[in-house]
Amino acid sequence: MTDMFENINDCCVNLKIDLCGAELAKIAVDGNYTAETMEALSHLFTYLSTKKDAAMVKDILNKSRLPKSAPKTFDNFDFTRIRGQDVERIKGISSLATLYSGSNITFVGPPGIGKTHLAQAYGY
């Protein structure tokens, strides 16, 4: 049951609801909430938190002005068009390791080799 209170507390933080686990536990005791009721509350808060996260991602993608009808992703990029000594490094960018490490990445090259495609793939 402790995990349930922690889950609800985490969801409240994500939803910016000022309700801590101790307050919720007191409400549950005062209201004689059953384990099933607390499970339902946990499920509800998880659903709302997930829904908020999905809406936030959708909003960010809409504001990014990335193409929606034909999204440019790493899956539909033709890596055979790239030549040079860093071909293997470029093929490895789809792991997004540079993004998660906080490093910068720059695409440099002649027109038409897919720099914009790769940049948009990072957005998705």
N, C-alpha and C. Protein backbone atom coordinates (compact mmCIF):
# COMPACT_ATOMS: atom_id res chain seq x y z
N MET A 1 0.82 -1.20 0.00
CA MET A 1 0.00 0.00 0.00
C MET A 1 0.87 1.26 0.00
N THR A 2 2.08 1.14 0.52
CA THR A 2 2.98 2.29 0.53
C THR A 2 3.29 2.73 -0.90
N ASP A 3 3.48 1.75 -1.80
CA ASP A 3 3.73 2.09 -3.20
C ASP A 3 2.57 2.87 -3.80
N MET A 4 1.36 2.53 -3.36
CA MET A 4 0.18 3.21 -3.88
C MET A 4 0.19 4.68 -3.47
N PHE A 5 0.53 4.95 -2.21
CA PHE A 5 0.59 6.33 -1.74
C PHE A 5 1.72 7.09 -2.44
N GLU A 6 2.85 6.43 -2.65
CA GLU A 6 3.96 7.07 -3.36
C GLU A 6 3.57 7.38 -4.80
N ASN A 7 2.86 6.44 -5.45
CA ASN A 7 2.40 6.65 -6.82
C ASN A 7 1.45 7.85 -6.89
N ILE A 8 0.49 7.90 -5.97
CA ILE A 8 -0.45 9.02 -5.96
C ILE A 8 0.29 10.32 -5.68
N ASN A 9 1.25 10.29 -4.77
CA ASN A 9 2.03 11.49 -4.46
C ASN A 9 2.81 11.96 -5.69
N ASP A 10 3.45 11.03 -6.41
CA ASP A 10 4.19 11.38 -7.63
C ASP A 10 3.26 11.98 -8.68
N CYS A 11 2.07 11.39 -8.81
CA CYS A 11 1.09 11.91 -9.77
C CYS A 11 0.63 13.31 -9.38
N CYS A 12 0.43 13.53 -8.08
CA CYS A 12 0.01 14.86 -7.62
C CYS A 12 1.08 15.90 -7.92
N VAL A 13 2.34 15.53 -7.76
CA VAL A 13 3.43 16.45 -8.09
C VAL A 13 3.39 16.77 -9.58
N ASN A 14 3.22 15.74 -10.42
CA ASN A 14 3.16 15.94 -11.87
C ASN A 14 1.96 16.80 -12.27
N LEU A 15 0.84 16.59 -11.59
CA LEU A 15 -0.38 17.34 -11.90
C LEU A 15 -0.43 18.70 -11.20
N LYS A 16 0.60 18.98 -10.39
CA LYS A 16 0.68 20.23 -9.63
C LYS A 16 -0.51 20.39 -8.69
N ILE A 17 -0.84 19.30 -8.02
CA ILE A 17 -1.90 19.30 -7.00
C ILE A 17 -1.20 19.31 -5.65
N ASP A 18 -1.58 20.24 -4.79
CA ASP A 18 -0.95 20.37 -3.49
C ASP A 18 -1.57 19.36 -2.51
N LEU A 19 -1.12 18.12 -2.63
CA LEU A 19 -1.62 17.04 -1.77
C LEU A 19 -0.47 16.07 -1.56
N CYS A 20 0.00 15.95 -0.33
CA CYS A 20 1.10 15.04 -0.06
C CYS A 20 0.55 13.68 0.38
N GLY A 21 1.42 12.70 0.42
CA GLY A 21 1.02 11.35 0.79
C GLY A 21 0.44 11.27 2.18
N ALA A 22 0.99 12.04 3.12
CA ALA A 22 0.48 12.02 4.49
C ALA A 22 -0.94 12.56 4.56
N GLU A 23 -1.21 13.62 3.81
CA GLU A 23 -2.57 14.18 3.78
C GLU A 23 -3.55 13.17 3.19
N LEU A 24 -3.13 12.53 2.12
CA LEU A 24 -3.99 11.53 1.50
C LEU A 24 -4.25 10.36 2.44
N ALA A 25 -3.22 9.94 3.17
CA ALA A 25 -3.38 8.85 4.13
C ALA A 25 -4.37 9.25 5.23
N LYS A 26 -4.30 10.49 5.70
CA LYS A 26 -5.23 10.96 6.73
C LYS A 26 -6.66 10.98 6.19
N ILE A 27 -6.83 11.45 4.96
CA ILE A 27 -8.17 11.46 4.34
C ILE A 27 -8.70 10.04 4.21
N ALA A 28 -7.82 9.11 3.83
CA ALA A 28 -8.23 7.71 3.67
C ALA A 28 -8.65 7.11 5.00
N VAL A 29 -7.91 7.42 6.06
CA VAL A 29 -8.27 6.89 7.38
C VAL A 29 -9.57 7.51 7.86
N ASP A 30 -9.70 8.83 7.74
CA ASP A 30 -10.92 9.51 8.19
C ASP A 30 -12.15 9.04 7.42
N GLY A 31 -11.98 8.72 6.15
CA GLY A 31 -13.11 8.30 5.32
C GLY A 31 -13.31 6.80 5.27
N ASN A 32 -12.50 6.05 6.03
CA ASN A 32 -12.58 4.59 6.03
C ASN A 32 -12.49 4.02 4.61
N TYR A 33 -11.55 4.53 3.83
CA TYR A 33 -11.38 4.05 2.46
C TYR A 33 -10.85 2.62 2.48
N THR A 34 -11.39 1.79 1.62
CA THR A 34 -10.93 0.41 1.51
C THR A 34 -9.72 0.36 0.58
N ALA A 35 -9.09 -0.81 0.54
CA ALA A 35 -7.94 -0.99 -0.35
C ALA A 35 -8.38 -0.83 -1.80
N GLU A 36 -9.60 -1.28 -2.10
CA GLU A 36 -10.12 -1.15 -3.47
C GLU A 36 -10.32 0.32 -3.84
N THR A 37 -10.80 1.11 -2.89
CA THR A 37 -10.99 2.54 -3.13
C THR A 37 -9.66 3.22 -3.39
N MET A 38 -8.66 2.87 -2.59
CA MET A 38 -7.34 3.47 -2.77
C MET A 38 -6.72 3.03 -4.10
N GLU A 39 -6.97 1.78 -4.48
CA GLU A 39 -6.49 1.29 -5.77
C GLU A 39 -7.13 2.07 -6.91
N ALA A 40 -8.43 2.34 -6.78
CA ALA A 40 -9.15 3.11 -7.80
C ALA A 40 -8.61 4.54 -7.87
N LEU A 41 -8.33 5.14 -6.71
CA LEU A 41 -7.76 6.50 -6.69
C LEU A 41 -6.37 6.51 -7.34
N SER A 42 -5.58 5.50 -7.03
CA SER A 42 -4.25 5.41 -7.63
C SER A 42 -4.35 5.28 -9.14
N HIS A 43 -5.28 4.45 -9.59
CA HIS A 43 -5.48 4.28 -11.03
C HIS A 43 -5.94 5.59 -11.67
N LEU A 44 -6.84 6.31 -11.01
CA LEU A 44 -7.34 7.58 -11.53
C LEU A 44 -6.21 8.61 -11.64
N PHE A 45 -5.42 8.75 -10.59
CA PHE A 45 -4.33 9.72 -10.62
C PHE A 45 -3.28 9.35 -11.67
N THR A 46 -3.01 8.06 -11.83
CA THR A 46 -2.07 7.61 -12.85
C THR A 46 -2.60 7.95 -14.24
N TYR A 47 -3.89 7.70 -14.46
CA TYR A 47 -4.51 8.02 -15.75
C TYR A 47 -4.41 9.52 -16.04
N LEU A 48 -4.75 10.35 -15.05
CA LEU A 48 -4.71 11.80 -15.26
C LEU A 48 -3.29 12.29 -15.52
N SER A 49 -2.32 11.72 -14.82
CA SER A 49 -0.93 12.11 -15.02
C SER A 49 -0.44 11.72 -16.41
N THR A 50 -0.79 10.51 -16.84
CA THR A 50 -0.42 10.05 -18.18
C THR A 50 -1.08 10.89 -19.25
N LYS A 51 -2.35 11.23 -19.03
CA LYS A 51 -3.09 12.06 -19.98
C LYS A 51 -2.45 13.44 -20.10
N LYS A 52 -2.03 14.01 -18.97
CA LYS A 52 -1.38 15.32 -18.99
C LYS A 52 -0.07 15.26 -19.75
N ASP A 53 0.72 14.21 -19.51
CA ASP A 53 1.99 14.07 -20.22
C ASP A 53 1.79 13.94 -21.72
N ALA A 54 0.79 13.15 -22.12
CA ALA A 54 0.50 12.97 -23.55
C ALA A 54 0.06 14.28 -24.19
N ALA A 55 -0.77 15.04 -23.47
CA ALA A 55 -1.23 16.33 -24.00
C ALA A 55 -0.07 17.31 -24.13
N MET A 56 0.86 17.25 -23.18
CA MET A 56 2.02 18.14 -23.23
C MET A 56 2.89 17.81 -24.44
N VAL A 57 3.13 16.51 -24.68
CA VAL A 57 3.93 16.11 -25.84
C VAL A 57 3.25 16.52 -27.13
N LYS A 58 1.93 16.32 -27.20
CA LYS A 58 1.18 16.70 -28.40
C LYS A 58 1.27 18.20 -28.63
N ASP A 59 1.14 18.99 -27.57
CA ASP A 59 1.21 20.44 -27.67
C ASP A 59 2.60 20.88 -28.14
N ILE A 60 3.63 20.28 -27.59
CA ILE A 60 5.00 20.63 -27.98
C ILE A 60 5.24 20.29 -29.45
N LEU A 61 4.75 19.12 -29.89
CA LEU A 61 4.91 18.75 -31.30
C LEU A 61 4.15 19.70 -32.21
N ASN A 62 2.96 20.13 -31.79
CA ASN A 62 2.20 21.09 -32.60
C ASN A 62 2.93 22.42 -32.71
N LYS A 63 3.51 22.87 -31.61
CA LYS A 63 4.22 24.15 -31.61
C LYS A 63 5.55 24.06 -32.36
N SER A 64 6.08 22.86 -32.50
CA SER A 64 7.38 22.70 -33.16
C SER A 64 7.29 22.90 -34.67
N ARG A 65 6.10 22.78 -35.22
CA ARG A 65 5.85 22.93 -36.65
C ARG A 65 6.58 21.87 -37.48
N LEU A 66 6.83 20.71 -36.86
CA LEU A 66 7.39 19.59 -37.62
C LEU A 66 6.29 19.04 -38.52
N PRO A 67 6.65 18.51 -39.69
CA PRO A 67 5.62 18.00 -40.60
C PRO A 67 4.87 16.82 -39.98
N LYS A 68 3.53 16.86 -40.09
CA LYS A 68 2.71 15.81 -39.50
C LYS A 68 2.29 14.76 -40.53
N SER A 69 2.08 15.19 -41.77
CA SER A 69 1.58 14.26 -42.79
C SER A 69 2.64 13.24 -43.20
N ALA A 70 3.86 13.65 -43.30
CA ALA A 70 4.96 12.75 -43.66
C ALA A 70 6.13 13.02 -42.72
N PRO A 71 6.04 12.53 -41.47
CA PRO A 71 7.09 12.84 -40.51
C PRO A 71 8.45 12.28 -40.93
N LYS A 72 9.46 13.05 -40.70
CA LYS A 72 10.81 12.63 -41.04
C LYS A 72 11.42 12.00 -39.78
N THR A 73 11.65 10.70 -39.84
CA THR A 73 12.19 9.96 -38.71
C THR A 73 13.48 9.27 -39.12
N PHE A 74 14.15 8.67 -38.15
CA PHE A 74 15.36 7.92 -38.45
C PHE A 74 15.03 6.67 -39.26
N ASP A 75 13.83 6.12 -39.05
CA ASP A 75 13.44 4.89 -39.76
C ASP A 75 13.30 5.11 -41.26
N ASN A 76 12.84 6.29 -41.67
CA ASN A 76 12.65 6.51 -43.11
C ASN A 76 13.77 7.36 -43.73
N PHE A 77 14.92 7.41 -43.07
CA PHE A 77 16.07 8.12 -43.63
C PHE A 77 16.97 7.13 -44.37
N ASP A 78 17.44 7.53 -45.54
CA ASP A 78 18.32 6.69 -46.35
C ASP A 78 19.78 6.98 -45.99
N PHE A 79 20.34 6.16 -45.10
CA PHE A 79 21.71 6.35 -44.64
C PHE A 79 22.74 6.02 -45.73
N THR A 80 22.31 5.39 -46.82
CA THR A 80 23.26 5.04 -47.89
C THR A 80 23.72 6.27 -48.67
N ARG A 81 22.99 7.38 -48.55
CA ARG A 81 23.37 8.62 -49.26
C ARG A 81 24.56 9.31 -48.62
N ILE A 82 24.90 8.94 -47.41
CA ILE A 82 25.97 9.63 -46.69
C ILE A 82 27.30 8.95 -46.98
N ARG A 83 28.29 9.76 -47.28
CA ARG A 83 29.64 9.28 -47.58
C ARG A 83 30.62 9.98 -46.63
N GLY A 84 31.76 9.38 -46.45
CA GLY A 84 32.79 10.03 -45.65
C GLY A 84 33.25 9.17 -44.50
N GLN A 85 34.09 9.77 -43.67
CA GLN A 85 34.72 9.02 -42.60
C GLN A 85 33.83 8.85 -41.37
N ASP A 86 32.80 9.66 -41.22
CA ASP A 86 31.95 9.59 -40.04
C ASP A 86 30.61 8.90 -40.30
N VAL A 87 30.56 8.02 -41.28
CA VAL A 87 29.31 7.35 -41.64
C VAL A 87 28.77 6.55 -40.46
N GLU A 88 29.64 5.81 -39.78
CA GLU A 88 29.19 4.97 -38.66
C GLU A 88 28.69 5.83 -37.49
N ARG A 89 29.35 6.96 -37.26
CA ARG A 89 28.88 7.86 -36.20
C ARG A 89 27.50 8.39 -36.52
N ILE A 90 27.27 8.74 -37.77
CA ILE A 90 25.97 9.28 -38.17
C ILE A 90 24.90 8.21 -38.08
N LYS A 91 25.24 6.97 -38.42
CA LYS A 91 24.26 5.88 -38.30
C LYS A 91 23.88 5.64 -36.84
N GLY A 92 24.79 5.96 -35.92
CA GLY A 92 24.53 5.75 -34.50
C GLY A 92 23.75 6.85 -33.82
N ILE A 93 23.44 7.93 -34.53
CA ILE A 93 22.74 9.04 -33.87
C ILE A 93 21.30 8.70 -33.53
N SER A 94 20.74 7.66 -34.17
CA SER A 94 19.35 7.32 -33.87
C SER A 94 19.18 6.79 -32.45
N SER A 95 20.28 6.45 -31.77
CA SER A 95 20.18 6.02 -30.37
C SER A 95 19.92 7.20 -29.44
N LEU A 96 20.08 8.41 -29.95
CA LEU A 96 19.86 9.66 -29.20
C LEU A 96 20.79 9.80 -28.00
N ALA A 97 21.92 9.09 -28.00
CA ALA A 97 22.86 9.17 -26.89
C ALA A 97 23.39 10.59 -26.72
N THR A 98 23.65 11.29 -27.83
CA THR A 98 24.16 12.66 -27.72
C THR A 98 23.11 13.58 -27.10
N LEU A 99 21.86 13.31 -27.39
CA LEU A 99 20.78 14.12 -26.83
C LEU A 99 20.71 13.94 -25.32
N TYR A 100 20.74 12.69 -24.87
CA TYR A 100 20.63 12.41 -23.44
C TYR A 100 21.88 12.78 -22.67
N SER A 101 23.03 12.84 -23.35
CA SER A 101 24.25 13.24 -22.66
C SER A 101 24.39 14.75 -22.53
N GLY A 102 23.49 15.47 -23.19
CA GLY A 102 23.54 16.93 -23.13
C GLY A 102 24.53 17.53 -24.10
N SER A 103 25.03 16.75 -25.03
CA SER A 103 25.99 17.24 -26.02
C SER A 103 25.28 17.92 -27.17
N ASN A 104 25.99 18.79 -27.83
CA ASN A 104 25.48 19.44 -29.04
C ASN A 104 25.82 18.58 -30.25
N ILE A 105 25.02 18.73 -31.29
CA ILE A 105 25.29 18.02 -32.53
C ILE A 105 25.08 19.00 -33.68
N THR A 106 25.94 18.91 -34.68
CA THR A 106 25.85 19.80 -35.84
C THR A 106 25.88 18.96 -37.10
N PHE A 107 24.97 19.25 -38.01
CA PHE A 107 24.96 18.58 -39.31
C PHE A 107 25.54 19.53 -40.34
N VAL A 108 26.63 19.12 -40.96
CA VAL A 108 27.31 19.95 -41.95
C VAL A 108 27.48 19.13 -43.22
N GLY A 109 27.23 19.75 -44.35
CA GLY A 109 27.42 19.06 -45.62
C GLY A 109 26.75 19.79 -46.75
N PRO A 110 26.91 19.26 -47.95
CA PRO A 110 26.31 19.91 -49.13
C PRO A 110 24.79 19.77 -49.12
N PRO A 111 24.11 20.56 -49.93
CA PRO A 111 22.66 20.48 -50.00
C PRO A 111 22.18 19.11 -50.48
N GLY A 112 21.06 18.67 -49.92
CA GLY A 112 20.42 17.47 -50.42
C GLY A 112 20.87 16.15 -49.83
N ILE A 113 21.67 16.16 -48.76
CA ILE A 113 22.09 14.87 -48.20
C ILE A 113 21.28 14.46 -46.98
N GLY A 114 20.40 15.34 -46.49
CA GLY A 114 19.50 14.95 -45.41
C GLY A 114 19.75 15.59 -44.06
N LYS A 115 20.41 16.72 -44.04
CA LYS A 115 20.67 17.39 -42.76
C LYS A 115 19.37 17.78 -42.08
N THR A 116 18.45 18.36 -42.82
CA THR A 116 17.17 18.78 -42.26
C THR A 116 16.36 17.57 -41.83
N HIS A 117 16.40 16.51 -42.61
CA HIS A 117 15.68 15.28 -42.27
C HIS A 117 16.16 14.76 -40.91
N LEU A 118 17.47 14.69 -40.72
CA LEU A 118 18.02 14.20 -39.46
C LEU A 118 17.68 15.13 -38.29
N ALA A 119 17.71 16.43 -38.53
CA ALA A 119 17.35 17.38 -37.48
C ALA A 119 15.89 17.22 -37.07
N GLN A 120 15.01 17.01 -38.04
CA GLN A 120 13.60 16.81 -37.72
C GLN A 120 13.38 15.46 -37.04
N ALA A 121 14.17 14.46 -37.40
CA ALA A 121 14.06 13.16 -36.74
C ALA A 121 14.38 13.27 -35.26
N TYR A 122 15.30 14.16 -34.90
CA TYR A 122 15.59 14.40 -33.49
C TYR A 122 14.37 14.96 -32.77
N GLY A 123 13.57 15.75 -33.48
CA GLY A 123 12.38 16.33 -32.87
C GLY A 123 11.31 15.31 -32.55
N TYR A 124 11.26 14.24 -33.32
CA TYR A 124 10.27 13.20 -33.05
C TYR A 124 10.80 12.24 -32.04
